[in-house]
């Protein structure tokens, strides 16, 4: 009997910390006034008491593994890695609630999912986290890639009225290869310590504007790290390929290069870990 009870307790503990599908209200509203609801995945860390938590913001390809309704390899890897650091992770979907599957092949000016909407999604996700009993509301973060990295900037620009009025704010933010040109033009001022991780060879979202943004921001500290020879998506494992279906980038109409770089992947992961430990005093 005792063995059976221990086995049952172990299974319950595993189930409690397994990936769970959740629904996360955005601060954005539908035409009828109801909140946009983001489908999501909750990855709980096995940590005692209230633990820090991070919202993972997907890129223009969405959060899913191709046609399957499972988190993409990148998001799943980072969520589980964060869990190993004692940090909860929340993956959210900004596209399917608005009738989109991907934005990568759409020209920037024609996209129906905007950074205003993504900002509201990110801020709503932070509020959802803060209301959980297993989350430390003083240690909430945003982590995004590409279009999601730009969403990190949109949700942490302290001159934006919605950012100042948000009921919950992040205490740190991280953006992998975001598009920084728009935020730079808007006079971006970080509302929380921010880490920018970019590839010097990126011909989709170039490093230059992010370097300028880090130097010009007068808000919270912005740290900038770049990796020589690294393209967009350098922290992934697929090899570099030339995507001719992407109409945006440094050379519109000529495609962009996307793919992993083992050295940049390892270095950026180490830098991310150091940043989290520094900001949140993690062991």
Protein backbone atom coordinates (compact mmCIF):
# COMPACT_ATOMS: atom_id res chain seq x y z
CA UNK A 1 0.00 0.00 0.00
CA UNK A 2 2.78 2.44 0.94
CA UNK A 3 4.56 1.76 -2.36
CA UNK A 4 1.35 2.39 -4.28
CA UNK A 5 0.80 5.66 -2.44
CA UNK A 6 4.35 6.80 -3.20
CA UNK A 7 3.90 5.91 -6.88
CA UNK A 8 0.62 7.83 -7.01
CA UNK A 9 2.24 10.82 -5.34
CA UNK A 10 5.10 10.73 -7.86
CA UNK A 11 2.68 10.58 -10.78
CA UNK A 12 0.70 13.50 -9.40
CA UNK A 13 3.89 15.51 -8.98
CA UNK A 14 4.92 14.79 -12.56
CA UNK A 15 1.48 15.71 -13.85
CA UNK A 16 1.53 18.96 -11.89
CA UNK A 17 4.76 19.99 -13.55
CA UNK A 18 4.06 18.73 -17.06
CA UNK A 19 3.28 20.95 -19.99
CA UNK A 20 -0.33 22.12 -19.75
CA UNK A 21 -2.57 23.82 -22.27
CA UNK A 22 -3.97 27.09 -20.92
CA UNK A 23 -5.97 30.12 -22.06
CA UNK A 24 -4.50 33.55 -21.36
CA UNK A 25 -6.54 36.77 -21.69
CA UNK A 26 -4.89 39.61 -23.59
CA UNK A 27 -5.34 43.27 -22.76
CA UNK A 28 -6.50 43.55 -26.40
CA UNK A 29 -10.23 43.50 -27.14
CA UNK A 30 -12.39 41.95 -29.84
CA UNK A 31 -14.99 43.96 -31.72
CA UNK A 32 -17.62 42.90 -29.17
CA UNK A 33 -15.53 44.21 -26.29
CA UNK A 34 -14.49 40.81 -24.94
CA UNK A 35 -10.84 40.11 -24.28
CA UNK A 36 -8.85 38.32 -26.97
CA UNK A 37 -7.92 34.94 -25.50
CA UNK A 38 -4.50 33.52 -26.32
CA UNK A 39 -4.05 29.76 -26.42
CA UNK A 40 -0.93 28.85 -24.52
CA UNK A 41 1.27 26.25 -22.88
CA UNK A 42 2.32 26.34 -19.24
CA UNK A 43 5.63 24.75 -18.28
CA UNK A 44 5.88 24.63 -14.49
CA UNK A 45 9.26 24.52 -12.79
CA UNK A 46 9.75 22.12 -9.91
CA UNK A 47 10.58 24.86 -7.46
CA UNK A 48 9.52 25.35 -3.84
CA UNK A 49 7.19 28.22 -3.05
CA UNK A 50 6.67 31.03 -5.53
CA UNK A 51 9.11 30.94 -8.44
CA UNK A 52 9.97 33.51 -11.13
CA UNK A 53 8.22 33.17 -14.50
CA UNK A 54 8.86 34.26 -18.09
CA UNK A 55 6.51 34.75 -21.05
CA UNK A 56 7.96 33.29 -24.27
CA UNK A 57 6.91 35.35 -27.32
CA UNK A 58 7.05 33.54 -30.65
CA UNK A 59 8.36 34.90 -33.94
CA UNK A 60 6.50 35.48 -37.19
CA UNK A 61 6.14 31.73 -37.77
CA UNK A 62 3.91 31.28 -34.73
CA UNK A 63 4.43 29.10 -31.66
CA UNK A 64 3.63 25.68 -33.10
CA UNK A 65 5.60 22.77 -34.48
CA UNK A 66 4.38 22.91 -38.10
CA UNK A 67 0.77 21.68 -38.32
CA UNK A 68 0.78 20.06 -34.88
CA UNK A 69 -0.63 22.03 -31.98
CA UNK A 70 2.52 21.53 -29.94
CA UNK A 71 5.12 24.17 -29.07
CA UNK A 72 7.87 24.59 -31.64
CA UNK A 73 11.23 23.00 -30.94
CA UNK A 74 12.79 26.35 -30.00
CA UNK A 75 10.04 27.28 -27.55
CA UNK A 76 9.93 23.82 -25.98
CA UNK A 77 13.71 23.72 -25.55
CA UNK A 78 13.83 27.14 -23.91
CA UNK A 79 10.83 26.42 -21.69
CA UNK A 80 12.40 23.23 -20.38
CA UNK A 81 15.78 24.92 -19.99
CA UNK A 82 14.16 27.69 -17.95
CA UNK A 83 12.42 25.07 -15.83
CA UNK A 84 15.85 23.64 -15.11
CA UNK A 85 16.87 27.08 -13.78
CA UNK A 86 13.86 27.06 -11.43
CA UNK A 87 11.81 29.39 -13.64
CA UNK A 88 8.24 28.82 -14.86
CA UNK A 89 7.63 29.38 -18.58
CA UNK A 90 4.48 30.44 -20.42
CA UNK A 91 4.20 30.15 -24.22
CA UNK A 92 1.42 32.19 -25.83
CA UNK A 93 -0.10 32.36 -29.33
CA UNK A 94 -0.86 35.80 -30.78
CA UNK A 95 -1.76 34.60 -34.28
CA UNK A 96 -4.56 32.02 -34.36
CA UNK A 97 -6.97 34.10 -32.22
CA UNK A 98 -6.72 36.68 -35.02
CA UNK A 99 -7.10 34.23 -37.89
CA UNK A 100 -3.42 34.00 -38.83
CA UNK A 101 -1.00 31.09 -39.00
CA UNK A 102 2.22 32.91 -39.90
CA UNK A 103 3.42 36.40 -40.78
CA UNK A 104 6.86 35.69 -42.24
CA UNK A 105 5.74 35.72 -45.87
CA UNK A 106 3.64 38.89 -45.45
CA UNK A 107 5.09 42.33 -46.18
CA UNK A 108 5.56 44.35 -43.02
CA UNK A 109 3.05 47.05 -43.95
CA UNK A 110 0.29 44.54 -44.77
CA UNK A 111 0.35 42.40 -41.63
CA UNK A 112 -2.93 42.27 -39.72
CA UNK A 113 -1.27 41.33 -36.43
CA UNK A 114 0.52 44.44 -35.21
CA UNK A 115 3.00 45.19 -32.46
CA UNK A 116 0.23 47.07 -30.64
CA UNK A 117 -1.68 43.80 -30.38
CA UNK A 118 1.40 41.87 -29.40
CA UNK A 119 2.20 44.40 -26.69
CA UNK A 120 -1.28 43.93 -25.26
CA UNK A 121 -0.89 40.16 -25.46
CA UNK A 122 2.43 40.29 -23.57
CA UNK A 123 1.07 42.60 -20.88
CA UNK A 124 -2.01 40.41 -20.47
CA UNK A 125 0.21 37.34 -20.10
CA UNK A 126 2.19 39.08 -17.36
CA UNK A 127 -1.04 39.81 -15.50
CA UNK A 128 -2.10 36.15 -15.85
CA UNK A 129 1.23 35.08 -14.35
CA UNK A 130 1.01 37.54 -11.46
CA UNK A 131 -2.35 36.10 -10.43
CA UNK A 132 -0.99 32.57 -10.03
CA UNK A 133 -0.23 31.32 -6.53
CA UNK A 134 2.95 29.53 -7.65
CA UNK A 135 4.51 32.59 -9.31
CA UNK A 136 6.60 35.31 -7.70
CA UNK A 137 4.96 38.50 -9.04
CA UNK A 138 8.11 40.54 -8.37
CA UNK A 139 10.15 38.36 -10.77
CA UNK A 140 8.35 38.30 -14.12
CA UNK A 141 10.09 38.48 -17.49
CA UNK A 142 9.54 38.66 -21.24
CA UNK A 143 11.63 36.64 -23.71
CA UNK A 144 11.00 36.94 -27.44
CA UNK A 145 12.47 36.03 -30.81
CA UNK A 146 12.36 38.10 -34.02
CA UNK A 147 8.75 39.40 -34.29
CA UNK A 148 8.37 38.34 -30.66
CA UNK A 149 11.58 40.18 -29.83
CA UNK A 150 10.03 43.31 -31.31
CA UNK A 151 7.00 42.60 -29.12
CA UNK A 152 9.35 42.66 -26.11
CA UNK A 153 10.42 46.16 -27.14
CA UNK A 154 6.82 47.24 -27.68
CA UNK A 155 5.83 45.98 -24.22
CA UNK A 156 8.75 47.66 -22.43
CA UNK A 157 8.82 51.10 -24.06
CA UNK A 158 8.13 53.30 -21.06
CA UNK A 159 6.88 56.23 -23.16
CA UNK A 160 3.92 54.14 -24.38
CA UNK A 161 0.76 54.95 -22.45
CA UNK A 162 -0.33 51.29 -22.37
CA UNK A 163 2.99 50.27 -20.87
CA UNK A 164 2.77 52.89 -18.13
CA UNK A 165 -0.86 51.97 -17.38
CA UNK A 166 -0.38 48.19 -17.38
CA UNK A 167 -1.38 46.53 -14.09
CA UNK A 168 1.72 44.29 -14.14
CA UNK A 169 5.19 45.08 -15.47
CA UNK A 170 8.18 42.81 -16.14
CA UNK A 171 11.31 43.11 -14.02
CA UNK A 172 13.51 42.04 -16.95
CA UNK A 173 13.27 41.47 -20.69
CA UNK A 174 15.29 39.62 -23.35
CA UNK A 175 15.02 39.93 -27.14
CA UNK A 176 16.74 37.65 -29.64
CA UNK A 177 17.31 39.33 -33.05
CA UNK A 178 14.35 41.75 -32.87
CA UNK A 179 13.56 44.38 -35.47
CA UNK A 180 14.88 47.47 -33.66
CA UNK A 181 14.42 50.16 -36.32
CA UNK A 182 10.86 51.07 -35.32
CA UNK A 183 11.64 51.23 -31.61
CA UNK A 184 14.77 53.28 -32.31
CA UNK A 185 12.76 55.78 -34.36
CA UNK A 186 10.17 56.00 -31.56
CA UNK A 187 12.85 56.97 -29.03
CA UNK A 188 12.70 53.69 -27.11
CA UNK A 189 13.25 53.95 -23.35
CA UNK A 190 13.44 50.63 -21.51
CA UNK A 191 11.05 50.19 -18.60
CA UNK A 192 13.07 47.21 -17.30
CA UNK A 193 16.61 45.89 -17.72
CA UNK A 194 16.84 44.55 -21.28
CA UNK A 195 19.24 42.15 -22.98
CA UNK A 196 19.53 42.25 -26.80
CA UNK A 197 21.12 39.21 -28.51
CA UNK A 198 21.73 39.61 -32.25
CA UNK A 199 23.72 38.20 -35.15
CA UNK A 200 26.13 40.49 -36.99
CA UNK A 201 25.36 38.77 -40.33
CA UNK A 202 21.57 39.01 -39.88
CA UNK A 203 20.03 40.18 -43.16
CA UNK A 204 16.43 39.98 -41.89
CA UNK A 205 16.54 42.11 -38.72
CA UNK A 206 20.00 43.73 -38.83
CA UNK A 207 22.20 44.31 -35.83
CA UNK A 208 22.90 47.99 -36.46
CA UNK A 209 19.61 49.51 -35.23
CA UNK A 210 19.74 47.34 -32.09
CA UNK A 211 23.26 48.53 -31.36
CA UNK A 212 22.09 52.13 -31.77
CA UNK A 213 19.03 51.51 -29.59
CA UNK A 214 21.17 50.12 -26.77
CA UNK A 215 23.45 53.14 -26.93
CA UNK A 216 20.62 55.69 -27.13
CA UNK A 217 18.13 54.36 -24.56
CA UNK A 218 17.81 56.62 -21.52
CA UNK A 219 15.62 54.29 -19.48
CA UNK A 220 16.66 51.12 -17.68
CA UNK A 221 19.98 49.57 -18.71
CA UNK A 222 20.05 47.93 -22.14
CA UNK A 223 22.78 45.32 -22.65
CA UNK A 224 23.79 44.46 -26.22
CA UNK A 225 25.54 41.28 -27.36
CA UNK A 226 26.29 40.40 -30.98
CA UNK A 227 27.84 37.36 -32.63
CA UNK A 228 30.13 37.62 -35.64
CA UNK A 229 28.99 35.67 -38.70
CA UNK A 230 25.68 34.67 -37.12
CA UNK A 231 22.43 34.91 -39.09
CA UNK A 232 18.81 35.23 -38.00
CA UNK A 233 17.80 32.25 -35.84
CA UNK A 234 21.39 31.57 -34.74
CA UNK A 235 20.23 29.99 -31.48
CA UNK A 236 18.44 27.16 -33.30
CA UNK A 237 19.86 23.88 -34.60
CA UNK A 238 18.71 23.75 -38.27
CA UNK A 239 21.46 24.65 -40.78
CA UNK A 240 21.49 28.05 -42.47
CA UNK A 241 19.18 28.29 -45.48
CA UNK A 242 18.17 31.04 -47.90
CA UNK A 243 14.47 31.87 -47.56
CA UNK A 244 13.27 33.47 -50.77
CA UNK A 245 9.66 33.50 -49.51
CA UNK A 246 10.38 36.31 -47.05
CA UNK A 247 9.62 39.70 -48.68
CA UNK A 248 11.15 41.82 -45.91
CA UNK A 249 14.73 42.19 -44.71
CA UNK A 250 17.80 44.22 -45.57
CA UNK A 251 17.38 43.46 -49.29
CA UNK A 252 13.61 43.28 -49.94
CA UNK A 253 12.71 40.74 -52.59
CA UNK A 254 16.07 38.95 -52.37
CA UNK A 255 15.21 36.75 -49.41
CA UNK A 256 16.95 36.29 -46.07
CA UNK A 257 19.26 33.77 -44.43
CA UNK A 258 18.09 31.83 -41.39
CA UNK A 259 19.82 29.12 -39.40
CA UNK A 260 21.78 27.99 -36.40
CA UNK A 261 25.33 28.79 -35.37
CA UNK A 262 26.70 26.44 -32.68
CA UNK A 263 29.14 28.98 -31.25
CA UNK A 264 26.59 31.79 -31.11
CA UNK A 265 23.98 29.42 -29.69
CA UNK A 266 26.21 28.38 -26.81
CA UNK A 267 27.46 31.90 -26.13
CA UNK A 268 23.98 33.44 -26.16
CA UNK A 269 22.63 30.76 -23.83
CA UNK A 270 25.46 31.45 -21.38
CA UNK A 271 24.81 35.20 -21.62
CA UNK A 272 21.09 34.67 -21.05
CA UNK A 273 21.79 32.54 -17.99
CA UNK A 274 24.17 35.14 -16.56
CA UNK A 275 21.62 37.91 -17.15
CA UNK A 276 18.84 35.99 -15.37
CA UNK A 277 21.10 35.17 -12.44
CA UNK A 278 22.29 38.75 -12.17
CA UNK A 279 18.84 40.33 -12.30
CA UNK A 280 16.98 37.80 -10.16
CA UNK A 281 19.79 36.68 -7.85
CA UNK A 282 19.36 33.06 -8.87
CA UNK A 283 21.69 30.40 -7.46
